[in-house]
Amino acid sequence: MKVTNNSDERQAVHTTAGVVFIHPGKTRDVELSEAGEKLVSASDVLETGAKQARKRTQKAEDMASDEAEG
């Protein structure tokens, strides 16, 4: 799973191979452990491809709603 660090600080994620550090603005392809998945899904600064896709969908829906109201 690809995980992106959107913060200004290095972030650690728990993978099946141990702790992996992701530098600011970088994306790493890792196999997250169960704890790692929970951390990433709860994080405001770490994103997976699925989380990014949900944000894009929500943004598109918000824009469509604004256009319909406008």
Protein backbone atom coordinates (compact mmCIF):
# COMPACT_ATOMS: atom_id res chain seq x y z
CA MET A 1 0.00 0.00 0.00
CA LYS A 2 1.31 3.45 -0.85
CA VAL A 3 1.48 5.82 2.11
CA THR A 4 2.19 9.54 1.68
CA ASN A 5 3.51 11.83 4.41
CA ASN A 6 1.87 15.27 4.06
CA SER A 7 3.51 16.77 7.14
CA ASP A 8 6.67 18.80 7.63
CA GLU A 9 8.16 16.10 9.88
CA ARG A 10 9.42 12.58 9.29
CA GLN A 11 6.71 10.04 10.19
CA ALA A 12 7.10 6.43 11.34
CA VAL A 13 4.67 3.74 10.23
CA HIS A 14 4.46 0.17 11.47
CA THR A 15 4.84 -2.39 8.71
CA THR A 16 5.04 -6.17 8.64
CA ALA A 17 8.82 -5.77 8.26
CA GLY A 18 9.16 -3.31 11.19
CA VAL A 19 9.05 0.46 11.52
CA VAL A 20 9.56 2.45 8.30
CA PHE A 21 10.17 6.20 8.23
CA ILE A 22 8.56 8.36 5.56
CA HIS A 23 10.10 11.77 4.97
CA PRO A 24 8.00 14.92 4.41
CA GLY A 25 6.26 14.95 1.04
CA LYS A 26 7.40 11.42 0.19
CA THR A 27 5.41 8.29 -0.62
CA ARG A 28 6.51 4.77 0.31
CA ASP A 29 5.04 1.47 -0.84
CA VAL A 30 4.74 -0.62 2.34
CA GLU A 31 2.78 -3.53 3.76
CA LEU A 32 1.20 -2.09 6.88
CA SER A 33 0.73 -4.11 10.04
CA GLU A 34 -2.66 -4.03 11.75
CA ALA A 35 -1.38 -1.31 14.10
CA GLY A 36 0.06 0.58 11.13
CA GLU A 37 -3.28 0.53 9.31
CA LYS A 38 -5.03 1.95 12.37
CA LEU A 39 -2.41 4.69 12.76
CA VAL A 40 -2.53 5.72 9.11
CA SER A 41 -6.33 5.74 8.94
CA ALA A 42 -6.51 7.92 12.09
CA SER A 43 -3.72 10.25 11.00
CA ASP A 44 -4.25 13.73 9.60
CA VAL A 45 -0.84 13.76 7.91
CA LEU A 46 -0.46 10.22 6.54
CA GLU A 47 -2.55 9.18 3.56
CA THR A 48 -3.06 6.07 1.49
CA GLY A 49 -4.22 6.00 -2.10
CA ALA A 50 -7.72 5.09 -0.88
CA LYS A 51 -7.82 8.03 1.53
CA GLN A 52 -6.69 10.40 -1.24
CA ALA A 53 -9.38 9.04 -3.58
CA ARG A 54 -12.09 9.63 -0.94
CA LYS A 55 -10.90 13.23 -0.53
CA ARG A 56 -11.02 13.81 -4.30
CA THR A 57 -14.53 12.33 -4.47
CA GLN A 58 -15.73 14.50 -1.58
CA LYS A 59 -14.21 17.60 -3.16
CA ALA A 60 -15.92 16.85 -6.49
CA GLU A 61 -19.25 16.30 -4.74
CA ASP A 62 -18.86 19.58 -2.84
CA MET A 63 -18.09 21.46 -6.05
CA ALA A 64 -21.10 19.91 -7.81
CA SER A 65 -23.32 20.87 -4.89
CA ASP A 66 -22.01 24.45 -4.95
CA GLU A 67 -22.71 24.70 -8.69
CA ALA A 68 -26.25 23.36 -8.25
CA GLU A 69 -26.94 25.95 -5.54
CA GLY A 70 -25.30 28.80 -7.41
